[in-house]
mmCIF file of all heavy atoms, coordinates in Angstrom:
data_MODEL
# 
_entry.id   MODEL 
# 
loop_
_atom_site.group_PDB 
_atom_site.id 
_atom_site.type_symbol 
_atom_site.label_atom_id 
_atom_site.label_alt_id 
_atom_site.label_comp_id 
_atom_site.label_asym_id 
_atom_site.label_entity_id 
_atom_site.label_seq_id 
_atom_site.pdbx_PDB_ins_code 
_atom_site.Cartn_x 
_atom_site.Cartn_y 
_atom_site.Cartn_z 
_atom_site.occupancy 
_atom_site.B_iso_or_equiv 
_atom_site.pdbx_formal_charge 
_atom_site.auth_seq_id 
_atom_site.auth_comp_id 
_atom_site.auth_asym_id 
_atom_site.auth_atom_id 
_atom_site.pdbx_PDB_model_num 
ATOM 1   N N   . ASP A 1 1  ? -81.321 -234.165 39.485 1.00 0.00 ? 1  ASP A N   1 
ATOM 2   C CA  . ASP A 1 1  ? -80.516 -232.955 39.409 1.00 0.00 ? 1  ASP A CA  1 
ATOM 3   C C   . ASP A 1 1  ? -79.033 -233.229 39.175 1.00 0.00 ? 1  ASP A C   1 
ATOM 4   O O   . ASP A 1 1  ? -78.290 -232.586 38.384 1.00 0.00 ? 1  ASP A O   1 
ATOM 5   C CB  . ASP A 1 1  ? -80.665 -232.102 40.641 1.00 0.00 ? 1  ASP A CB  1 
ATOM 6   C CG  . ASP A 1 1  ? -82.139 -231.554 40.797 1.00 0.00 ? 1  ASP A CG  1 
ATOM 7   O OD1 . ASP A 1 1  ? -82.770 -231.483 39.763 1.00 0.00 ? 1  ASP A OD1 1 
ATOM 8   O OD2 . ASP A 1 1  ? -82.508 -231.222 41.854 1.00 0.00 ? 1  ASP A OD2 1 
ATOM 9   N N   . LYS A 1 2  ? -78.513 -234.281 39.903 1.00 0.00 ? 2  LYS A N   1 
ATOM 10  C CA  . LYS A 1 2  ? -77.110 -234.681 39.723 1.00 0.00 ? 2  LYS A CA  1 
ATOM 11  C C   . LYS A 1 2  ? -76.852 -235.185 38.268 1.00 0.00 ? 2  LYS A C   1 
ATOM 12  O O   . LYS A 1 2  ? -75.823 -234.841 37.727 1.00 0.00 ? 2  LYS A O   1 
ATOM 13  C CB  . LYS A 1 2  ? -76.807 -235.812 40.700 1.00 0.00 ? 2  LYS A CB  1 
ATOM 14  C CG  . LYS A 1 2  ? -76.286 -235.385 42.074 1.00 0.00 ? 2  LYS A CG  1 
ATOM 15  C CD  . LYS A 1 2  ? -75.867 -236.519 42.873 1.00 0.00 ? 2  LYS A CD  1 
ATOM 16  C CE  . LYS A 1 2  ? -75.494 -236.076 44.315 1.00 0.00 ? 2  LYS A CE  1 
ATOM 17  N NZ  . LYS A 1 2  ? -75.112 -237.219 45.056 1.00 0.00 ? 2  LYS A NZ  1 
ATOM 18  N N   . LYS A 1 3  ? -77.760 -235.886 37.756 1.00 0.00 ? 3  LYS A N   1 
ATOM 19  C CA  . LYS A 1 3  ? -77.593 -236.395 36.381 1.00 0.00 ? 3  LYS A CA  1 
ATOM 20  C C   . LYS A 1 3  ? -77.539 -235.241 35.382 1.00 0.00 ? 3  LYS A C   1 
ATOM 21  O O   . LYS A 1 3  ? -76.767 -235.280 34.448 1.00 0.00 ? 3  LYS A O   1 
ATOM 22  C CB  . LYS A 1 3  ? -78.722 -237.329 36.032 1.00 0.00 ? 3  LYS A CB  1 
ATOM 23  C CG  . LYS A 1 3  ? -78.549 -238.096 34.742 1.00 0.00 ? 3  LYS A CG  1 
ATOM 24  C CD  . LYS A 1 3  ? -79.692 -239.045 34.503 1.00 0.00 ? 3  LYS A CD  1 
ATOM 25  C CE  . LYS A 1 3  ? -79.523 -239.807 33.186 1.00 0.00 ? 3  LYS A CE  1 
ATOM 26  N NZ  . LYS A 1 3  ? -80.634 -240.773 33.001 1.00 0.00 ? 3  LYS A NZ  1 
ATOM 27  N N   . ILE A 1 4  ? -78.434 -234.219 35.600 1.00 0.00 ? 4  ILE A N   1 
ATOM 28  C CA  . ILE A 1 4  ? -78.436 -233.178 34.630 1.00 0.00 ? 4  ILE A CA  1 
ATOM 29  C C   . ILE A 1 4  ? -77.169 -232.328 34.748 1.00 0.00 ? 4  ILE A C   1 
ATOM 30  O O   . ILE A 1 4  ? -76.550 -231.927 33.774 1.00 0.00 ? 4  ILE A O   1 
ATOM 31  C CB  . ILE A 1 4  ? -79.627 -232.219 34.990 1.00 0.00 ? 4  ILE A CB  1 
ATOM 32  C CG1 . ILE A 1 4  ? -80.969 -232.966 34.621 1.00 0.00 ? 4  ILE A CG1 1 
ATOM 33  C CG2 . ILE A 1 4  ? -79.512 -230.859 34.211 1.00 0.00 ? 4  ILE A CG2 1 
ATOM 34  C CD1 . ILE A 1 4  ? -82.190 -232.173 34.973 1.00 0.00 ? 4  ILE A CD1 1 
ATOM 35  N N   . LYS A 1 5  ? -76.612 -232.114 35.949 1.00 0.00 ? 5  LYS A N   1 
ATOM 36  C CA  . LYS A 1 5  ? -75.369 -231.344 36.184 1.00 0.00 ? 5  LYS A CA  1 
ATOM 37  C C   . LYS A 1 5  ? -74.200 -232.167 35.537 1.00 0.00 ? 5  LYS A C   1 
ATOM 38  O O   . LYS A 1 5  ? -73.265 -231.511 34.984 1.00 0.00 ? 5  LYS A O   1 
ATOM 39  C CB  . LYS A 1 5  ? -75.133 -231.155 37.667 1.00 0.00 ? 5  LYS A CB  1 
ATOM 40  C CG  . LYS A 1 5  ? -76.048 -230.122 38.332 1.00 0.00 ? 5  LYS A CG  1 
ATOM 41  C CD  . LYS A 1 5  ? -75.772 -229.982 39.788 1.00 0.00 ? 5  LYS A CD  1 
ATOM 42  C CE  . LYS A 1 5  ? -76.684 -228.954 40.437 1.00 0.00 ? 5  LYS A CE  1 
ATOM 43  N NZ  . LYS A 1 5  ? -76.445 -228.860 41.867 1.00 0.00 ? 5  LYS A NZ  1 
ATOM 44  N N   . LYS A 1 6  ? -74.258 -233.476 35.670 1.00 0.00 ? 6  LYS A N   1 
ATOM 45  C CA  . LYS A 1 6  ? -73.175 -234.200 35.089 1.00 0.00 ? 6  LYS A CA  1 
ATOM 46  C C   . LYS A 1 6  ? -73.181 -234.181 33.593 1.00 0.00 ? 6  LYS A C   1 
ATOM 47  O O   . LYS A 1 6  ? -72.119 -234.139 32.927 1.00 0.00 ? 6  LYS A O   1 
ATOM 48  C CB  . LYS A 1 6  ? -73.262 -235.719 35.553 1.00 0.00 ? 6  LYS A CB  1 
ATOM 49  C CG  . LYS A 1 6  ? -72.102 -236.619 35.142 1.00 0.00 ? 6  LYS A CG  1 
ATOM 50  C CD  . LYS A 1 6  ? -72.245 -237.967 35.767 1.00 0.00 ? 6  LYS A CD  1 
ATOM 51  C CE  . LYS A 1 6  ? -71.138 -238.875 35.334 1.00 0.00 ? 6  LYS A CE  1 
ATOM 52  N NZ  . LYS A 1 6  ? -71.245 -240.208 35.877 1.00 0.00 ? 6  LYS A NZ  1 
ATOM 53  N N   . GLU A 1 7  ? -74.345 -234.169 32.959 1.00 0.00 ? 7  GLU A N   1 
ATOM 54  C CA  . GLU A 1 7  ? -74.497 -234.105 31.559 1.00 0.00 ? 7  GLU A CA  1 
ATOM 55  C C   . GLU A 1 7  ? -74.033 -232.739 31.006 1.00 0.00 ? 7  GLU A C   1 
ATOM 56  O O   . GLU A 1 7  ? -73.516 -232.599 29.947 1.00 0.00 ? 7  GLU A O   1 
ATOM 57  C CB  . GLU A 1 7  ? -75.892 -234.444 31.083 1.00 0.00 ? 7  GLU A CB  1 
ATOM 58  C CG  . GLU A 1 7  ? -76.291 -235.877 31.321 1.00 0.00 ? 7  GLU A CG  1 
ATOM 59  C CD  . GLU A 1 7  ? -77.709 -236.222 30.944 1.00 0.00 ? 7  GLU A CD  1 
ATOM 60  O OE1 . GLU A 1 7  ? -78.488 -235.189 30.682 1.00 0.00 ? 7  GLU A OE1 1 
ATOM 61  O OE2 . GLU A 1 7  ? -78.102 -237.322 30.892 1.00 0.00 ? 7  GLU A OE2 1 
ATOM 62  N N   . ASP A 1 8  ? -74.362 -231.677 31.835 1.00 0.00 ? 8  ASP A N   1 
ATOM 63  C CA  . ASP A 1 8  ? -74.083 -230.310 31.394 1.00 0.00 ? 8  ASP A CA  1 
ATOM 64  C C   . ASP A 1 8  ? -72.569 -230.006 31.513 1.00 0.00 ? 8  ASP A C   1 
ATOM 65  O O   . ASP A 1 8  ? -72.064 -229.087 30.849 1.00 0.00 ? 8  ASP A O   1 
ATOM 66  C CB  . ASP A 1 8  ? -74.861 -229.253 32.159 1.00 0.00 ? 8  ASP A CB  1 
ATOM 67  C CG  . ASP A 1 8  ? -76.299 -229.460 31.826 1.00 0.00 ? 8  ASP A CG  1 
ATOM 68  O OD1 . ASP A 1 8  ? -76.645 -230.046 30.768 1.00 0.00 ? 8  ASP A OD1 1 
ATOM 69  O OD2 . ASP A 1 8  ? -77.209 -228.882 32.609 1.00 0.00 ? 8  ASP A OD2 1 
ATOM 70  N N   . SER A 1 9  ? -71.833 -230.692 32.453 1.00 0.00 ? 9  SER A N   1 
ATOM 71  C CA  . SER A 1 9  ? -70.484 -230.347 32.748 1.00 0.00 ? 9  SER A CA  1 
ATOM 72  C C   . SER A 1 9  ? -69.610 -230.832 31.557 1.00 0.00 ? 9  SER A C   1 
ATOM 73  O O   . SER A 1 9  ? -69.746 -231.938 31.017 1.00 0.00 ? 9  SER A O   1 
ATOM 74  C CB  . SER A 1 9  ? -69.964 -231.073 33.940 1.00 0.00 ? 9  SER A CB  1 
ATOM 75  O OG  . SER A 1 9  ? -70.064 -232.424 33.878 1.00 0.00 ? 9  SER A OG  1 
ATOM 76  N N   . PRO A 1 10 ? -68.709 -229.912 31.032 1.00 0.00 ? 10 PRO A N   1 
ATOM 77  C CA  . PRO A 1 10 ? -67.873 -230.295 29.841 1.00 0.00 ? 10 PRO A CA  1 
ATOM 78  C C   . PRO A 1 10 ? -66.799 -231.293 30.302 1.00 0.00 ? 10 PRO A C   1 
ATOM 79  O O   . PRO A 1 10 ? -66.334 -231.278 31.408 1.00 0.00 ? 10 PRO A O   1 
ATOM 80  C CB  . PRO A 1 10 ? -67.198 -228.937 29.463 1.00 0.00 ? 10 PRO A CB  1 
ATOM 81  C CG  . PRO A 1 10 ? -67.186 -228.226 30.710 1.00 0.00 ? 10 PRO A CG  1 
ATOM 82  C CD  . PRO A 1 10 ? -68.438 -228.557 31.470 1.00 0.00 ? 10 PRO A CD  1 
ATOM 83  N N   . SER A 1 11 ? -66.558 -232.187 29.356 1.00 0.00 ? 11 SER A N   1 
ATOM 84  C CA  . SER A 1 11 ? -65.532 -233.265 29.607 1.00 0.00 ? 11 SER A CA  1 
ATOM 85  C C   . SER A 1 11 ? -64.250 -232.855 28.964 1.00 0.00 ? 11 SER A C   1 
ATOM 86  O O   . SER A 1 11 ? -64.193 -232.419 27.782 1.00 0.00 ? 11 SER A O   1 
ATOM 87  C CB  . SER A 1 11 ? -66.017 -234.589 29.052 1.00 0.00 ? 11 SER A CB  1 
ATOM 88  O OG  . SER A 1 11 ? -66.261 -234.481 27.651 1.00 0.00 ? 11 SER A OG  1 
ATOM 89  N N   . VAL A 1 12 ? -63.193 -232.946 29.640 1.00 0.00 ? 12 VAL A N   1 
ATOM 90  C CA  . VAL A 1 12 ? -61.845 -232.598 29.151 1.00 0.00 ? 12 VAL A CA  1 
ATOM 91  C C   . VAL A 1 12 ? -61.282 -233.769 28.284 1.00 0.00 ? 12 VAL A C   1 
ATOM 92  O O   . VAL A 1 12 ? -61.345 -234.881 28.653 1.00 0.00 ? 12 VAL A O   1 
ATOM 93  C CB  . VAL A 1 12 ? -60.878 -232.323 30.343 1.00 0.00 ? 12 VAL A CB  1 
ATOM 94  C CG1 . VAL A 1 12 ? -59.437 -231.928 29.764 1.00 0.00 ? 12 VAL A CG1 1 
ATOM 95  C CG2 . VAL A 1 12 ? -61.394 -231.244 31.176 1.00 0.00 ? 12 VAL A CG2 1 
ATOM 96  N N   . VAL A 1 13 ? -60.855 -233.439 27.109 1.00 0.00 ? 13 VAL A N   1 
ATOM 97  C CA  . VAL A 1 13 ? -60.305 -234.382 26.118 1.00 0.00 ? 13 VAL A CA  1 
ATOM 98  C C   . VAL A 1 13 ? -58.800 -234.298 26.095 1.00 0.00 ? 13 VAL A C   1 
ATOM 99  O O   . VAL A 1 13 ? -58.208 -233.284 26.054 1.00 0.00 ? 13 VAL A O   1 
ATOM 100 C CB  . VAL A 1 13 ? -60.899 -234.151 24.693 1.00 0.00 ? 13 VAL A CB  1 
ATOM 101 C CG1 . VAL A 1 13 ? -60.338 -235.195 23.736 1.00 0.00 ? 13 VAL A CG1 1 
ATOM 102 C CG2 . VAL A 1 13 ? -62.422 -234.107 24.722 1.00 0.00 ? 13 VAL A CG2 1 
ATOM 103 N N   . VAL A 1 14 ? -58.195 -235.531 26.298 1.00 0.00 ? 14 VAL A N   1 
ATOM 104 C CA  . VAL A 1 14 ? -56.746 -235.608 26.288 1.00 0.00 ? 14 VAL A CA  1 
ATOM 105 C C   . VAL A 1 14 ? -56.331 -236.321 25.018 1.00 0.00 ? 14 VAL A C   1 
ATOM 106 O O   . VAL A 1 14 ? -56.821 -237.378 24.660 1.00 0.00 ? 14 VAL A O   1 
ATOM 107 C CB  . VAL A 1 14 ? -56.245 -236.412 27.504 1.00 0.00 ? 14 VAL A CB  1 
ATOM 108 C CG1 . VAL A 1 14 ? -54.787 -236.527 27.502 1.00 0.00 ? 14 VAL A CG1 1 
ATOM 109 C CG2 . VAL A 1 14 ? -56.728 -235.725 28.785 1.00 0.00 ? 14 VAL A CG2 1 
ATOM 110 N N   . SER A 1 15 ? -55.369 -235.708 24.275 1.00 0.00 ? 15 SER A N   1 
ATOM 111 C CA  . SER A 1 15 ? -54.884 -236.301 23.022 1.00 0.00 ? 15 SER A CA  1 
ATOM 112 C C   . SER A 1 15 ? -53.681 -237.176 23.332 1.00 0.00 ? 15 SER A C   1 
ATOM 113 O O   . SER A 1 15 ? -52.837 -236.852 24.200 1.00 0.00 ? 15 SER A O   1 
ATOM 114 C CB  . SER A 1 15 ? -54.506 -235.225 22.121 1.00 0.00 ? 15 SER A CB  1 
ATOM 115 O OG  . SER A 1 15 ? -53.895 -235.761 20.913 1.00 0.00 ? 15 SER A OG  1 
ATOM 116 N N   . SER A 1 16 ? -53.565 -238.282 22.670 1.00 0.00 ? 16 SER A N   1 
ATOM 117 C CA  . SER A 1 16 ? -52.384 -239.192 22.822 1.00 0.00 ? 16 SER A CA  1 
ATOM 118 C C   . SER A 1 16 ? -51.205 -238.632 22.151 1.00 0.00 ? 16 SER A C   1 
ATOM 119 O O   . SER A 1 16 ? -51.303 -237.693 21.383 1.00 0.00 ? 16 SER A O   1 
ATOM 120 C CB  . SER A 1 16 ? -52.743 -240.587 22.367 1.00 0.00 ? 16 SER A CB  1 
ATOM 121 O OG  . SER A 1 16 ? -53.020 -240.510 20.988 1.00 0.00 ? 16 SER A OG  1 
ATOM 122 N N   . SER A 1 17 ? -49.993 -239.181 22.379 1.00 0.00 ? 17 SER A N   1 
ATOM 123 C CA  . SER A 1 17 ? -48.845 -238.715 21.763 1.00 0.00 ? 17 SER A CA  1 
ATOM 124 C C   . SER A 1 17 ? -48.849 -238.833 20.217 1.00 0.00 ? 17 SER A C   1 
ATOM 125 O O   . SER A 1 17 ? -48.303 -237.973 19.560 1.00 0.00 ? 17 SER A O   1 
ATOM 126 C CB  . SER A 1 17 ? -47.634 -239.519 22.389 1.00 0.00 ? 17 SER A CB  1 
ATOM 127 O OG  . SER A 1 17 ? -47.790 -240.874 22.016 1.00 0.00 ? 17 SER A OG  1 
ATOM 128 N N   . SER A 1 18 ? -49.476 -239.834 19.673 1.00 0.00 ? 18 SER A N   1 
ATOM 129 C CA  . SER A 1 18 ? -49.536 -239.935 18.227 1.00 0.00 ? 18 SER A CA  1 
ATOM 130 C C   . SER A 1 18 ? -50.527 -239.067 17.586 1.00 0.00 ? 18 SER A C   1 
ATOM 131 O O   . SER A 1 18 ? -50.564 -238.871 16.428 1.00 0.00 ? 18 SER A O   1 
ATOM 132 C CB  . SER A 1 18 ? -49.782 -241.451 17.905 1.00 0.00 ? 18 SER A CB  1 
ATOM 133 O OG  . SER A 1 18 ? -51.094 -241.857 18.432 1.00 0.00 ? 18 SER A OG  1 
ATOM 134 N N   . GLY A 1 19 ? -51.551 -238.591 18.431 1.00 0.00 ? 19 GLY A N   1 
ATOM 135 C CA  . GLY A 1 19 ? -52.618 -237.748 17.887 1.00 0.00 ? 19 GLY A CA  1 
ATOM 136 C C   . GLY A 1 19 ? -53.644 -238.538 17.131 1.00 0.00 ? 19 GLY A C   1 
ATOM 137 O O   . GLY A 1 19 ? -54.585 -237.906 16.531 1.00 0.00 ? 19 GLY A O   1 
ATOM 138 N N   . SER A 1 20 ? -53.607 -239.826 17.103 1.00 0.00 ? 20 SER A N   1 
ATOM 139 C CA  . SER A 1 20 ? -54.608 -240.614 16.401 1.00 0.00 ? 20 SER A CA  1 
ATOM 140 C C   . SER A 1 20 ? -55.808 -240.948 17.157 1.00 0.00 ? 20 SER A C   1 
ATOM 141 O O   . SER A 1 20 ? -56.778 -241.293 16.534 1.00 0.00 ? 20 SER A O   1 
ATOM 142 C CB  . SER A 1 20 ? -53.933 -241.908 15.853 1.00 0.00 ? 20 SER A CB  1 
ATOM 143 O OG  . SER A 1 20 ? -53.558 -242.643 16.992 1.00 0.00 ? 20 SER A OG  1 
ATOM 144 N N   . SER A 1 21 ? -55.805 -240.904 18.446 1.00 0.00 ? 21 SER A N   1 
ATOM 145 C CA  . SER A 1 21 ? -57.022 -241.231 19.261 1.00 0.00 ? 21 SER A CA  1 
ATOM 146 C C   . SER A 1 21 ? -57.260 -240.142 20.351 1.00 0.00 ? 21 SER A C   1 
ATOM 147 O O   . SER A 1 21 ? -56.267 -239.600 20.794 1.00 0.00 ? 21 SER A O   1 
ATOM 148 C CB  . SER A 1 21 ? -56.906 -242.631 19.865 1.00 0.00 ? 21 SER A CB  1 
ATOM 149 O OG  . SER A 1 21 ? -55.771 -242.625 20.755 1.00 0.00 ? 21 SER A OG  1 
ATOM 150 N N   . LEU A 1 22 ? -58.485 -239.903 20.706 1.00 0.00 ? 22 LEU A N   1 
ATOM 151 C CA  . LEU A 1 22 ? -58.866 -238.965 21.778 1.00 0.00 ? 22 LEU A CA  1 
ATOM 152 C C   . LEU A 1 22 ? -59.484 -239.714 22.899 1.00 0.00 ? 22 LEU A C   1 
ATOM 153 O O   . LEU A 1 22 ? -60.362 -240.627 22.667 1.00 0.00 ? 22 LEU A O   1 
ATOM 154 C CB  . LEU A 1 22 ? -59.729 -237.881 21.193 1.00 0.00 ? 22 LEU A CB  1 
ATOM 155 C CG  . LEU A 1 22 ? -59.186 -237.051 20.095 1.00 0.00 ? 22 LEU A CG  1 
ATOM 156 C CD1 . LEU A 1 22 ? -60.272 -236.086 19.526 1.00 0.00 ? 22 LEU A CD1 1 
ATOM 157 C CD2 . LEU A 1 22 ? -58.003 -236.281 20.533 1.00 0.00 ? 22 LEU A CD2 1 
ATOM 158 N N   . THR A 1 23 ? -59.200 -239.386 24.123 1.00 0.00 ? 23 THR A N   1 
ATOM 159 C CA  . THR A 1 23 ? -59.768 -240.073 25.254 1.00 0.00 ? 23 THR A CA  1 
ATOM 160 C C   . THR A 1 23 ? -60.336 -239.019 26.264 1.00 0.00 ? 23 THR A C   1 
ATOM 161 O O   . THR A 1 23 ? -59.659 -238.023 26.511 1.00 0.00 ? 23 THR A O   1 
ATOM 162 C CB  . THR A 1 23 ? -58.623 -240.884 26.010 1.00 0.00 ? 23 THR A CB  1 
ATOM 163 O OG1 . THR A 1 23 ? -58.027 -241.720 25.084 1.00 0.00 ? 23 THR A OG1 1 
ATOM 164 C CG2 . THR A 1 23 ? -59.297 -241.718 27.125 1.00 0.00 ? 23 THR A CG2 1 
ATOM 165 N N   . LYS A 1 24 ? -61.525 -239.330 26.760 1.00 0.00 ? 24 LYS A N   1 
ATOM 166 C CA  . LYS A 1 24 ? -62.094 -238.384 27.781 1.00 0.00 ? 24 LYS A CA  1 
ATOM 167 C C   . LYS A 1 24 ? -61.519 -238.703 29.110 1.00 0.00 ? 24 LYS A C   1 
ATOM 168 O O   . LYS A 1 24 ? -61.242 -239.862 29.492 1.00 0.00 ? 24 LYS A O   1 
ATOM 169 C CB  . LYS A 1 24 ? -63.628 -238.565 27.806 1.00 0.00 ? 24 LYS A CB  1 
ATOM 170 C CG  . LYS A 1 24 ? -64.299 -238.077 26.635 1.00 0.00 ? 24 LYS A CG  1 
ATOM 171 C CD  . LYS A 1 24 ? -65.824 -238.187 26.726 1.00 0.00 ? 24 LYS A CD  1 
ATOM 172 C CE  . LYS A 1 24 ? -66.567 -237.691 25.568 1.00 0.00 ? 24 LYS A CE  1 
ATOM 173 N NZ  . LYS A 1 24 ? -68.021 -237.835 25.716 1.00 0.00 ? 24 LYS A NZ  1 
ATOM 174 N N   . VAL A 1 25 ? -61.361 -237.634 29.911 1.00 0.00 ? 25 VAL A N   1 
ATOM 175 C CA  . VAL A 1 25 ? -60.786 -237.796 31.270 1.00 0.00 ? 25 VAL A CA  1 
ATOM 176 C C   . VAL A 1 25 ? -61.728 -238.606 32.092 1.00 0.00 ? 25 VAL A C   1 
ATOM 177 O O   . VAL A 1 25 ? -61.309 -239.388 32.978 1.00 0.00 ? 25 VAL A O   1 
ATOM 178 C CB  . VAL A 1 25 ? -60.527 -236.454 31.819 1.00 0.00 ? 25 VAL A CB  1 
ATOM 179 C CG1 . VAL A 1 25 ? -60.135 -236.587 33.344 1.00 0.00 ? 25 VAL A CG1 1 
ATOM 180 C CG2 . VAL A 1 25 ? -59.389 -235.700 31.069 1.00 0.00 ? 25 VAL A CG2 1 
ATOM 181 N N   . SER A 1 26 ? -62.994 -238.466 31.894 1.00 0.00 ? 26 SER A N   1 
ATOM 182 C CA  . SER A 1 26 ? -64.002 -239.194 32.734 1.00 0.00 ? 26 SER A CA  1 
ATOM 183 C C   . SER A 1 26 ? -63.950 -240.686 32.481 1.00 0.00 ? 26 SER A C   1 
ATOM 184 O O   . SER A 1 26 ? -64.388 -241.443 33.286 1.00 0.00 ? 26 SER A O   1 
ATOM 185 C CB  . SER A 1 26 ? -65.397 -238.661 32.410 1.00 0.00 ? 26 SER A CB  1 
ATOM 186 O OG  . SER A 1 26 ? -65.745 -238.784 31.011 1.00 0.00 ? 26 SER A OG  1 
ATOM 187 N N   . GLU A 1 27 ? -63.342 -241.063 31.285 1.00 0.00 ? 27 GLU A N   1 
ATOM 188 C CA  . GLU A 1 27 ? -63.234 -242.481 30.977 1.00 0.00 ? 27 GLU A CA  1 
ATOM 189 C C   . GLU A 1 27 ? -61.978 -243.124 31.461 1.00 0.00 ? 27 GLU A C   1 
ATOM 190 O O   . GLU A 1 27 ? -61.768 -244.322 31.408 1.00 0.00 ? 27 GLU A O   1 
ATOM 191 C CB  . GLU A 1 27 ? -63.329 -242.680 29.467 1.00 0.00 ? 27 GLU A CB  1 
ATOM 192 C CG  . GLU A 1 27 ? -64.720 -242.323 28.918 1.00 0.00 ? 27 GLU A CG  1 
ATOM 193 C CD  . GLU A 1 27 ? -64.768 -242.592 27.358 1.00 0.00 ? 27 GLU A CD  1 
ATOM 194 O OE1 . GLU A 1 27 ? -63.735 -242.907 26.824 1.00 0.00 ? 27 GLU A OE1 1 
ATOM 195 O OE2 . GLU A 1 27 ? -65.885 -242.359 26.842 1.00 0.00 ? 27 GLU A OE2 1 
ATOM 196 N N   . LEU A 1 28 ? -60.998 -242.204 31.942 1.00 0.00 ? 28 LEU A N   1 
ATOM 197 C CA  . LEU A 1 28 ? -59.745 -242.816 32.469 1.00 0.00 ? 28 LEU A CA  1 
ATOM 198 C C   . LEU A 1 28 ? -59.990 -243.516 33.765 1.00 0.00 ? 28 LEU A C   1 
ATOM 199 O O   . LEU A 1 28 ? -60.748 -243.098 34.605 1.00 0.00 ? 28 LEU A O   1 
ATOM 200 C CB  . LEU A 1 28 ? -58.782 -241.635 32.760 1.00 0.00 ? 28 LEU A CB  1 
ATOM 201 C CG  . LEU A 1 28 ? -58.265 -240.952 31.445 1.00 0.00 ? 28 LEU A CG  1 
ATOM 202 C CD1 . LEU A 1 28 ? -57.397 -239.763 31.854 1.00 0.00 ? 28 LEU A CD1 1 
ATOM 203 C CD2 . LEU A 1 28 ? -57.530 -241.854 30.548 1.00 0.00 ? 28 LEU A CD2 1 
# 
């Protein structure tokens, strides 16, 4: 159940200052 909830939860995407790369908050 935890795994399903984690997969269903949207991940926030943060854009860098140059705008050339996107990074997920969960990967920070």
